[in-house]
Protein backbone atom coordinates (compact mmCIF):
# COMPACT_ATOMS: atom_id res chain seq x y z
CA MET A 1 -19.35 21.54 63.56
CA ARG A 2 -15.74 22.18 62.56
CA VAL A 3 -14.44 19.94 59.79
CA ALA A 4 -10.75 19.14 59.86
CA ILE A 5 -8.97 19.67 56.56
CA PRO A 6 -6.18 17.19 55.88
CA ALA A 7 -2.75 18.82 55.96
CA LEU A 8 -1.88 17.22 52.62
CA LEU A 9 -4.85 18.99 51.00
CA VAL A 10 -3.77 22.36 52.38
CA LEU A 11 -0.18 21.87 51.26
CA THR A 12 -1.25 20.72 47.81
CA ALA A 13 -3.51 23.72 47.30
CA THR A 14 -0.77 26.07 48.49
CA ALA A 15 1.77 24.44 46.19
CA ILE A 16 -0.55 24.73 43.19
CA HIS A 17 -1.15 28.42 43.93
CA ALA A 18 2.58 29.02 44.32
CA GLN A 19 3.22 27.39 40.95
CA SER A 20 0.82 29.70 39.12
CA PRO A 21 2.99 31.66 36.67
CA ALA A 22 3.19 35.44 36.85
CA PHE A 23 5.36 38.08 35.22
CA GLU A 24 8.46 39.05 37.20
CA VAL A 25 8.16 42.61 35.93
CA ALA A 26 5.25 44.11 34.00
CA THR A 27 4.21 47.63 33.03
CA VAL A 28 0.81 48.68 31.73
CA LYS A 29 0.44 52.23 30.38
CA ILE A 30 -2.50 54.06 28.85
CA ASN A 31 -1.95 54.85 25.17
CA ASN A 32 -3.76 58.01 24.05
CA SER A 33 -2.73 57.88 20.39
CA GLY A 34 -6.19 56.56 19.41
CA PRO A 35 -7.18 53.63 17.17
CA GLY A 36 -4.62 52.77 14.55
CA SER A 37 -1.74 50.37 14.09
CA SER A 38 -1.23 48.06 17.02
CA GLY A 39 1.04 45.25 18.07
CA TYR A 40 -1.11 42.31 19.23
CA PRO A 41 -0.08 41.21 22.75
CA GLY A 42 2.28 38.27 22.67
CA LEU A 43 5.09 36.54 24.54
CA ARG A 44 8.33 35.75 22.74
CA ASN A 45 11.50 34.50 24.40
CA GLY A 46 10.02 35.40 27.78
CA THR A 47 9.27 39.01 26.83
CA LEU A 48 5.72 40.38 26.71
CA THR A 49 4.95 43.14 24.22
CA GLY A 50 1.70 44.81 23.24
CA ARG A 51 1.38 48.22 21.59
CA ASN A 52 -1.77 50.32 21.36
CA VAL A 53 -3.94 47.31 22.21
CA SER A 54 -7.51 47.33 23.45
CA LEU A 55 -8.70 45.40 26.47
CA ARG A 56 -10.64 43.14 24.11
CA MET A 57 -7.38 42.25 22.35
CA ILE A 58 -5.74 41.48 25.68
CA LEU A 59 -8.71 39.37 26.77
CA ARG A 60 -8.57 37.44 23.51
CA ALA A 61 -4.91 36.60 24.10
CA ALA A 62 -5.50 35.80 27.78
CA TYR A 63 -8.50 33.50 27.31
CA ASP A 64 -8.00 32.21 23.74
CA LEU A 65 -11.45 33.38 22.67
CA HIS A 66 -12.29 35.38 19.58
CA GLU A 67 -13.60 38.92 20.09
CA PHE A 68 -17.11 37.84 19.10
CA ARG A 69 -17.25 35.66 22.22
CA ILE A 70 -16.22 38.39 24.68
CA ILE A 71 -19.09 40.45 26.10
CA GLY A 72 -18.50 43.64 28.05
CA PRO A 73 -18.64 47.46 28.09
CA ALA A 74 -17.79 49.63 25.08
CA THR A 75 -14.54 50.63 26.80
CA LEU A 76 -13.15 47.18 25.93
CA ASP A 77 -12.65 48.61 22.43
CA SER A 78 -12.22 52.33 23.00
CA ASP A 79 -9.40 52.37 25.58
CA ARG A 80 -5.87 51.52 24.47
CA TYR A 81 -2.76 50.38 26.34
CA ASP A 82 0.91 49.51 25.96
CA LEU A 83 2.17 46.35 27.68
CA GLU A 84 5.67 45.24 28.57
CA GLY A 85 6.70 42.36 30.77
CA LYS A 86 9.25 39.68 31.53
CA SER A 87 8.39 36.12 32.52
CA PRO A 88 10.42 34.20 35.12
CA SER A 89 13.42 32.23 33.89
CA GLY A 90 12.41 28.78 32.72
CA VAL A 91 8.74 29.60 32.18
CA PRO A 92 7.84 28.76 28.56
CA ASP A 93 6.10 31.23 26.26
CA THR A 94 3.11 28.86 26.16
CA GLN A 95 2.22 30.13 29.66
CA LEU A 96 1.14 33.50 28.24
CA MET A 97 -2.56 32.91 28.95
CA PRO A 98 -2.44 32.33 32.73
CA MET A 99 0.13 35.11 33.18
CA LEU A 100 -2.01 37.60 31.23
CA GLN A 101 -5.07 36.56 33.23
CA ALA A 102 -3.19 37.21 36.47
CA LEU A 103 -1.97 40.57 35.14
CA LEU A 104 -5.51 41.64 34.23
CA LYS A 105 -6.82 40.72 37.67
CA GLU A 106 -3.97 42.54 39.41
CA ARG A 107 -3.84 45.75 37.37
CA PHE A 108 -7.44 46.10 36.14
CA HIS A 109 -9.28 44.21 38.93
CA LEU A 110 -10.86 42.11 36.20
CA ALA A 111 -13.84 39.96 37.15
CA VAL A 112 -15.38 37.63 34.57
CA HIS A 113 -17.63 34.64 34.28
CA ARG A 114 -18.50 32.21 31.51
CA GLU A 115 -21.98 31.42 30.29
CA MET A 116 -23.75 29.92 27.31
CA LYS A 117 -25.40 32.31 24.86
CA GLU A 118 -27.22 31.66 21.59
CA LEU A 119 -25.41 33.44 18.79
CA PRO A 120 -25.48 33.49 14.99
CA VAL A 121 -22.53 31.34 13.91
CA PHE A 122 -21.12 29.40 11.00
CA ASP A 123 -20.87 25.63 11.35
CA MET A 124 -17.71 24.48 9.57
CA VAL A 125 -18.22 21.16 7.80
CA VAL A 126 -16.37 19.24 5.08
CA ALA A 127 -17.50 20.33 1.61
CA LYS A 128 -18.93 17.80 -0.87
CA SER A 129 -15.67 17.99 -2.82
CA GLY A 130 -13.78 16.67 0.22
CA LEU A 131 -11.05 18.11 2.44
CA LYS A 132 -8.30 19.80 0.39
CA MET A 133 -5.76 20.48 3.14
CA ASN A 134 -2.72 18.25 3.71
CA PRO A 135 -1.55 17.06 7.13
CA SER A 136 1.03 19.36 8.70
CA THR A 137 4.45 17.76 9.25
CA THR A 138 7.80 18.95 10.58
CA GLU A 139 9.16 18.96 7.02
CA ASN A 140 6.08 20.71 5.59
CA PRO A 141 4.38 22.64 8.41
CA PHE A 142 2.18 24.68 6.04
CA PRO A 143 1.92 25.54 2.33
CA LYS A 144 4.31 28.06 0.84
CA PRO A 145 2.39 31.16 -0.28
CA PRO A 146 2.93 32.59 -3.77
CA PRO A 147 5.01 35.80 -4.00
CA ASN A 148 2.16 38.06 -5.16
CA PRO A 149 -1.14 36.34 -4.40
CA GLY A 150 -3.39 39.41 -4.59
CA GLY A 151 -6.29 39.88 -2.19
CA ALA A 152 -6.09 38.78 1.44
CA MET A 153 -4.18 35.75 2.63
CA ASN A 154 -4.45 33.43 5.62
CA VAL A 155 -1.72 30.80 5.91
CA GLY A 156 -0.63 28.53 8.72
CA ALA A 157 -1.18 25.17 10.35
CA GLY A 158 -3.43 23.92 13.12
CA THR A 159 -6.16 21.61 14.24
CA LEU A 160 -9.61 22.05 12.71
CA PRO A 161 -10.88 23.99 15.79
CA GLU A 162 -7.82 26.27 15.52
CA ILE A 163 -8.46 26.82 11.82
CA ALA A 164 -12.11 27.63 12.61
CA MET A 165 -10.93 30.34 14.99
CA ARG A 166 -8.56 31.71 12.33
CA LEU A 167 -11.51 31.99 9.92
CA THR A 168 -13.79 33.72 12.42
CA GLY A 169 -12.54 37.26 11.82
CA ALA A 170 -13.11 37.24 8.06
CA ALA A 171 -16.41 35.35 8.43
CA GLY A 172 -17.90 38.07 10.64
CA ARG A 173 -19.27 35.68 13.28
CA PRO A 174 -17.95 32.71 15.30
CA VAL A 175 -16.96 29.68 13.22
CA LEU A 176 -17.46 26.35 15.00
CA ASP A 177 -15.69 23.18 13.91
CA LYS A 178 -18.24 20.46 13.08
CA THR A 179 -15.96 18.31 10.93
CA GLY A 180 -15.06 15.74 13.59
CA ILE A 181 -11.58 15.49 12.05
CA ASP A 182 -8.49 15.10 14.23
CA GLY A 183 -4.91 16.06 13.46
CA ARG A 184 -3.10 19.18 12.32
CA TYR A 185 -3.33 20.53 8.77
CA GLY A 186 -1.49 23.16 6.80
CA PHE A 187 -3.73 25.66 5.06
CA LEU A 188 -3.40 28.48 2.56
CA LEU A 189 -6.39 30.69 1.86
CA ILE A 190 -6.29 33.52 -0.69
CA TYR A 191 -9.48 35.52 -1.08
CA THR A 192 -11.05 38.89 -1.80
CA PRO A 193 -12.44 40.47 1.39
CA MET A 194 -16.22 40.75 1.41
CA LEU A 195 -16.29 44.56 1.24
CA GLN A 196 -14.10 44.51 -1.86
CA ALA A 197 -15.98 41.59 -3.38
CA ALA A 198 -19.12 43.76 -3.51
CA GLY A 199 -17.46 46.08 -6.06
CA ASN A 200 -16.26 45.66 -9.63
CA LEU A 201 -13.23 43.38 -9.64
CA PRO A 202 -10.95 42.18 -12.44
CA ASP A 203 -11.28 38.58 -13.57
CA SER A 204 -7.87 37.87 -12.02
CA ALA A 205 -9.11 38.75 -8.50
CA PRO A 206 -9.24 35.89 -5.98
CA PRO A 207 -12.69 34.48 -5.13
CA ASP A 208 -14.74 35.86 -2.24
CA PHE A 209 -14.03 34.51 1.24
CA PHE A 210 -16.74 31.81 1.40
CA THR A 211 -16.04 30.54 -2.10
CA ALA A 212 -12.31 30.41 -1.36
CA VAL A 213 -12.86 28.41 1.85
CA GLU A 214 -14.79 25.79 -0.11
CA GLN A 215 -12.56 25.69 -3.19
CA GLN A 216 -9.16 25.92 -1.51
CA LEU A 217 -9.68 24.24 1.88
CA GLY A 218 -12.50 21.84 1.09
CA LEU A 219 -14.58 23.29 3.93
CA LYS A 220 -18.04 24.85 3.92
CA LEU A 221 -19.39 27.46 6.33
CA GLU A 222 -23.11 26.97 6.98
CA PRO A 223 -25.14 29.68 8.81
CA ALA A 224 -26.65 28.47 12.10
CA GLN A 225 -27.78 29.49 15.58
CA GLU A 226 -25.80 27.76 18.31
CA ASN A 227 -25.33 27.95 22.06
CA VAL A 228 -21.77 29.20 22.40
CA GLU A 229 -19.68 29.69 25.53
CA VAL A 230 -18.92 33.40 25.97
CA LEU A 231 -16.78 35.33 28.42
CA VAL A 232 -18.75 38.05 30.24
CA VAL A 233 -16.81 40.92 31.80
CA ASP A 234 -18.47 41.75 35.14
CA HIS A 235 -15.97 44.42 36.12
CA VAL A 236 -12.79 45.97 34.73
CA ASP A 237 -11.08 49.24 35.65
CA ARG A 238 -10.33 51.64 32.83
CA THR A 239 -7.19 52.95 34.56
CA PRO A 240 -4.70 50.24 35.57
CA THR A 241 -3.05 50.32 38.96
CA GLU A 242 0.45 51.77 39.17
CA ASN A 243 3.31 49.69 37.80
């Protein structure tokens, strides 16, 4: 039996598809210089740039997921690319994610799906000493860092889930926000990276990462096993289609 589809439904679906943002012009080139310095893919004033970036880096920017939550072939890290593009006039830079997703599907024939997977994580909770970050305001978006802090530094402002993602790289596994706290907070974290912390350090050295998170942010990272949503790459071409 044939089912009639209302014309309004067809028009609405077509309109939504037509409104999906895409780059007016975009080039993707293989970069054979090897691992080294890279310019993380980003969109500023309507211009896309990415230098010597891996597919995993591009996927992170396109889907707002940390590398630990992207599962795929080893070529996601080994192959490198240069990206350039221009978004249509009037499209805000905040539309980077859907435009990058469209670019990956067009040039790399990317196919992905999401699933839940149990992973070792850190649950981020409020430490016994209490939260030590101040709300982020227009006048004071985030703390001003000292001129010569020593060690590594992470400074910015965001919601607690956004801060958890910022901490993930240094933590070595996904950090999940379990604080239940709303709002945006400015944060300043100065710490000694874990590899350096294992050696002999002067007394003036900043604390190790986990100690710094508790002392400076008022947060505690507790080891756990959690079901986490991951992005699984089913297919991706190593050589992009012609520009």
